[in-house]
C-alpha atoms as a PDB file:
ATOM      1  CA  MET A   1      74.380 -41.447 -25.212  1.00  0.00           C
ATOM      2  CA  ALA A   2      72.926 -43.154 -22.141  1.00  0.00           C
ATOM      3  CA  LEU A   3      71.999 -46.171 -24.270  1.00  0.00           C
ATOM      4  CA  GLY A   4      75.574 -46.302 -25.580  1.00  0.00           C
ATOM      5  CA  ILE A   5      76.983 -46.340 -22.066  1.00  0.00           C
ATOM      6  CA  LEU A   6      74.499 -49.029 -21.060  1.00  0.00           C
ATOM      7  CA  ALA A   7      75.441 -51.125 -24.105  1.00  0.00           C
ATOM      8  CA  SER A   8      79.120 -50.775 -23.195  1.00  0.00           C
ATOM      9  CA  LEU A   9      78.543 -51.888 -19.619  1.00  0.00           C
ATOM     10  CA  LEU A  10      76.379 -54.816 -20.683  1.00  0.00           C
ATOM     11  CA  SER A  11      78.913 -55.924 -23.271  1.00  0.00           C
ATOM     12  CA  SER A  12      81.480 -56.203 -20.495  1.00  0.00           C
ATOM     13  CA  VAL A  13      79.165 -58.486 -18.542  1.00  0.00           C
ATOM     14  CA  ILE A  14      77.772 -60.699 -21.300  1.00  0.00           C
ATOM     15  CA  GLY A  15      80.769 -60.546 -23.616  1.00  0.00           C
ATOM     16  CA  ILE A  16      79.159 -59.388 -26.858  1.00  0.00           C
ATOM     17  CA  ALA A  17      78.805 -55.853 -28.118  1.00  0.00           C
ATOM     18  CA  GLY A  18      77.484 -56.179 -31.691  1.00  0.00           C
ATOM     19  CA  PRO A  19      73.914 -57.182 -30.870  1.00  0.00           C
ATOM     20  CA  LEU A  20      73.797 -54.305 -28.397  1.00  0.00           C
ATOM     21  CA  THR A  21      75.284 -51.548 -30.564  1.00  0.00           C
ATOM     22  CA  ILE A  22      73.837 -52.382 -34.002  1.00  0.00           C
ATOM     23  CA  PRO A  23      70.233 -51.459 -33.012  1.00  0.00           C
ATOM     24  CA  LEU A  24      71.506 -48.111 -31.721  1.00  0.00           C
ATOM     25  CA  LEU A  25      73.356 -47.458 -34.965  1.00  0.00           C
ATOM     26  CA  ASP A  26      70.343 -48.520 -37.013  1.00  0.00           C
ATOM     27  CA  ARG A  27      68.298 -45.714 -35.485  1.00  0.00           C
ATOM     28  CA  MET A  28      70.886 -43.157 -36.615  1.00  0.00           C
ATOM     29  CA  GLY A  29      69.999 -43.690 -40.278  1.00  0.00           C
ATOM     30  CA  LEU A  30      73.551 -44.479 -41.359  1.00  0.00           C
ATOM     31  CA  SER A  31      74.309 -46.127 -44.677  1.00  0.00           C
ATOM     32  CA  ARG A  32      75.297 -49.793 -44.787  1.00  0.00           C
ATOM     33  CA  ASP A  33      79.025 -48.992 -44.958  1.00  0.00           C
ATOM     34  CA  GLN A  34      78.774 -46.336 -42.233  1.00  0.00           C
ATOM     35  CA  THR A  35      76.920 -48.756 -39.954  1.00  0.00           C
ATOM     36  CA  ILE A  36      79.515 -51.490 -40.431  1.00  0.00           C
ATOM     37  CA  ALA A  37      82.495 -49.132 -40.036  1.00  0.00           C
ATOM     38  CA  THR A  38      81.045 -47.429 -36.945  1.00  0.00           C
ATOM     39  CA  ASN A  39      80.224 -50.772 -35.341  1.00  0.00           C
ATOM     40  CA  ALA A  40      83.750 -52.008 -36.073  1.00  0.00           C
ATOM     41  CA  ALA A  41      85.242 -48.898 -34.458  1.00  0.00           C
ATOM     42  CA  ILE A  42      82.997 -49.231 -31.388  1.00  0.00           C
ATOM     43  CA  ASN A  43      83.831 -52.926 -30.988  1.00  0.00           C
ATOM     44  CA  SER A  44      87.554 -52.266 -31.417  1.00  0.00           C
ATOM     45  CA  LEU A  45      87.430 -49.658 -28.671  1.00  0.00           C
ATOM     46  CA  LEU A  46      85.334 -51.845 -26.353  1.00  0.00           C
ATOM     47  CA  HIS A  47      87.586 -54.869 -26.823  1.00  0.00           C
ATOM     48  CA  THR A  48      90.732 -52.780 -26.333  1.00  0.00           C
ATOM     49  CA  LEU A  49      89.316 -51.463 -23.067  1.00  0.00           C
ATOM     50  CA  LYS A  50      88.452 -55.017 -22.002  1.00  0.00           C
ATOM     51  CA  VAL A  51      91.983 -56.234 -22.745  1.00  0.00           C
ATOM     52  CA  VAL A  52      93.484 -53.351 -20.764  1.00  0.00           C
ATOM     53  CA  SER A  53      91.093 -54.009 -17.869  1.00  0.00           C
ATOM     54  CA  PHE A  54      91.868 -57.719 -17.797  1.00  0.00           C
ATOM     55  CA  CYS A  55      95.614 -57.004 -17.971  1.00  0.00           C
ATOM     56  CA  ILE A  56      95.291 -54.707 -14.966  1.00  0.00           C
ATOM     57  CA  LEU A  57      93.403 -57.475 -13.156  1.00  0.00           C
ATOM     58  CA  GLY A  58      96.229 -59.898 -13.962  1.00  0.00           C
ATOM     59  CA  PHE A  59      94.704 -62.145 -16.625  1.00  0.00           C
ATOM     60  CA  PRO A  60      97.481 -64.336 -18.115  1.00  0.00           C
ATOM     61  CA  TYR A  61      97.020 -63.554 -21.833  1.00  0.00           C
ATOM     62  CA  LEU A  62     100.325 -65.191 -22.800  1.00  0.00           C
ATOM     63  CA  SER A  63      99.062 -68.536 -21.520  1.00  0.00           C
ATOM     64  CA  TYR A  64      96.245 -68.287 -24.040  1.00  0.00           C
ATOM     65  CA  SER A  65      98.225 -66.863 -26.962  1.00  0.00           C
ATOM     66  CA  TRP A  66      97.416 -69.864 -29.200  1.00  0.00           C
ATOM     67  CA  LEU A  67      93.713 -69.284 -28.610  1.00  0.00           C
ATOM     68  CA  LEU A  68      94.041 -65.545 -29.200  1.00  0.00           C
ATOM     69  CA  PHE A  69      95.832 -66.234 -32.476  1.00  0.00           C
ATOM     70  CA  GLY A  70      92.897 -68.428 -33.506  1.00  0.00           C
ATOM     71  CA  PHE A  71      90.425 -65.665 -32.579  1.00  0.00           C
ATOM     72  CA  ILE A  72      92.369 -63.136 -34.625  1.00  0.00           C
ATOM     73  CA  ALA A  73      92.688 -65.462 -37.635  1.00  0.00           C
ATOM     74  CA  THR A  74      88.980 -66.332 -37.664  1.00  0.00           C
ATOM     75  CA  SER A  75      88.077 -62.672 -37.170  1.00  0.00           C
ATOM     76  CA  VAL A  76      90.112 -61.682 -40.228  1.00  0.00           C
ATOM     77  CA  ALA A  77      88.579 -64.537 -42.247  1.00  0.00           C
ATOM     78  CA  GLY A  78      85.082 -63.532 -41.123  1.00  0.00           C
ATOM     79  CA  SER A  79      85.706 -59.905 -42.059  1.00  0.00           C
ATOM     80  CA  TRP A  80      86.915 -60.958 -45.490  1.00  0.00           C
ATOM     81  CA  CYS A  81      83.851 -63.170 -46.058  1.00  0.00           C
ATOM     82  CA  GLY A  82      81.532 -60.474 -44.707  1.00  0.00           C
ATOM     83  CA  THR A  83      82.987 -57.921 -47.109  1.00  0.00           C
ATOM     84  CA  LYS A  84      82.431 -60.245 -50.050  1.00  0.00           C
ATOM     85  CA  ILE A  85      78.823 -60.877 -49.012  1.00  0.00           C
ATOM     86  CA  LYS A  86      78.159 -57.191 -48.273  1.00  0.00           C
ATOM     87  CA  ASN A  87      79.367 -56.136 -51.709  1.00  0.00           C
ATOM     88  CA  LYS A  88      76.879 -58.517 -53.372  1.00  0.00           C
ATOM     89  CA  LEU A  89      73.965 -57.571 -51.119  1.00  0.00           C
ATOM     90  CA  PRO A  90      71.689 -54.730 -52.279  1.00  0.00           C
ATOM     91  CA  GLU A  91      71.408 -51.786 -49.875  1.00  0.00           C
ATOM     92  CA  ARG A  92      67.639 -52.333 -49.437  1.00  0.00           C
ATOM     93  CA  SER A  93      68.216 -55.948 -48.321  1.00  0.00           C
ATOM     94  CA  PHE A  94      70.900 -55.038 -45.795  1.00  0.00           C
ATOM     95  CA  ARG A  95      68.704 -53.720 -42.967  1.00  0.00           C
ATOM     96  CA  PRO A  96      66.208 -56.628 -42.844  1.00  0.00           C
ATOM     97  CA  MET A  97      69.044 -59.175 -43.006  1.00  0.00           C
ATOM     98  CA  MET A  98      71.018 -57.314 -40.335  1.00  0.00           C
ATOM     99  CA  LYS A  99      67.989 -57.221 -38.050  1.00  0.00           C
ATOM    100  CA  GLY A 100      67.378 -60.932 -38.598  1.00  0.00           C
ATOM    101  CA  ILE A 101      70.969 -61.876 -37.838  1.00  0.00           C
ATOM    102  CA  ILE A 102      71.091 -59.663 -34.732  1.00  0.00           C
ATOM    103  CA  SER A 103      67.770 -61.118 -33.518  1.00  0.00           C
ATOM    104  CA  LEU A 104      69.122 -64.630 -34.018  1.00  0.00           C
ATOM    105  CA  LEU A 105      72.319 -63.794 -32.102  1.00  0.00           C
ATOM    106  CA  CYS A 106      70.269 -62.331 -29.246  1.00  0.00           C
ATOM    107  CA  LEU A 107      68.038 -65.389 -29.165  1.00  0.00           C
ATOM    108  CA  VAL A 108      71.092 -67.651 -28.957  1.00  0.00           C
ATOM    109  CA  GLN A 109      72.403 -65.623 -25.998  1.00  0.00           C
ATOM    110  CA  VAL A 110      69.047 -65.797 -24.204  1.00  0.00           C
ATOM    111  CA  VAL A 111      68.860 -69.564 -24.731  1.00  0.00           C
ATOM    112  CA  LYS A 112      72.410 -69.934 -23.370  1.00  0.00           C
ATOM    113  CA  VAL A 113      71.503 -67.996 -20.238  1.00  0.00           C
ATOM    114  CA  PHE A 114      68.377 -70.016 -19.530  1.00  0.00           C
ATOM    115  CA  ALA A 115      69.950 -73.353 -20.438  1.00  0.00           C
ATOM    116  CA  ARG A 116      72.304 -73.142 -17.464  1.00  0.00           C
END
């Protein structure tokens, strides 16, 4: 539970939750579908809390509605593509591919931090 709280706090600071929560879920021994669904639920909750927090702080979301619409549209498209890929991917290949993708995403974030 402490790692979950830490992942939540870090996701607020660095802006990404998936690379932080997926390794925690992987250790739980969930199936591929359970891992994806649980991660989606966690991210939905985290992002909802972020939106509420930013609204309280006065962030002008309406000024960025066109950008938010783009985020939502690409998120839906990505979910659709991910579902198609997941359904063709054998269960035994899922974990190594997931770990590779998460490692790549983490590496990109580290490079971004040190490139500043």
